[in-house]
Amino acid sequence: MIHALSLSDLTVSRGERRLFDGLNLTLRAGEILTLTGANGAGKTSLLRAVAGLLRPDAGTIGFQDGDGNPLDPREARGREVHFLGHLDGLKGGRTAREELGFQCDWLGHTQYGVDNAADVFGLKPLLDLEVRRLSAGQRRRLAMGRLVGSPRALWLLDEPMAPLDGRWRTAFVEQMRRHLEADGLIVAAVHDPLPLTSRSLDLGGLS
């Protein structure tokens, strides 16, 4: 299980523009790192690099277990990382039930996990509706179902609460809190501060 994420001298560009250079940080179990900055500052690019979807120009991204031993990056990402991008990645022609089942089955789950996801995010009244008929907030809740339906140690979240109303923002913050209490790790790109104790990375400045 991932107990730490480390970035060493990480450099990432988009096109000809350098987003950040020589970034170093370590995030440990039970911690959340919030990424802030203007649009185009590199928040999404950093998340994608950690997820293995974007190759850095230089530097390394490492994962460690509870004893500090390095984990194979490919295996760690395949088994222990959730990436929830600003696009939900849902298939409009499926019902919400089919989509939730597919997502959790692909990631590995138990039936309890699927049922729990439906309970946590208020999906039961939506399960027989086609995804294309859901509102933006409902689609985001459906996408979030994979986080609790197929538990993984590291959550990478890109503006996760943008389409949610107040009730579901509060509910999702509670799920984040529980994840951290269970020694999970979270890296989240945000515009608004989260009501959680967190570290913050703003355009390359760590605090």
Foldseek 3Di string as FASTA:
>chain_A
DFFKKWWAQFWAADDPGTLDGGFTDMDGFLAEEEEEEDPPNCLVVVLCVLLVNDPTPDTDMWTADPVRHTDDSVVQSLQAEAECAPDLPFDQAAFLQVRLVVLCVSRDADVVLSVVLCVLLVCVVRRRPGNNPDDPQNSLSSSCSNCRRRPHQEYEEEQSCVVHDPVVLVSVLVVVNVSSVVRGYYYYYHHDDDPDDHWYAYSRDTD
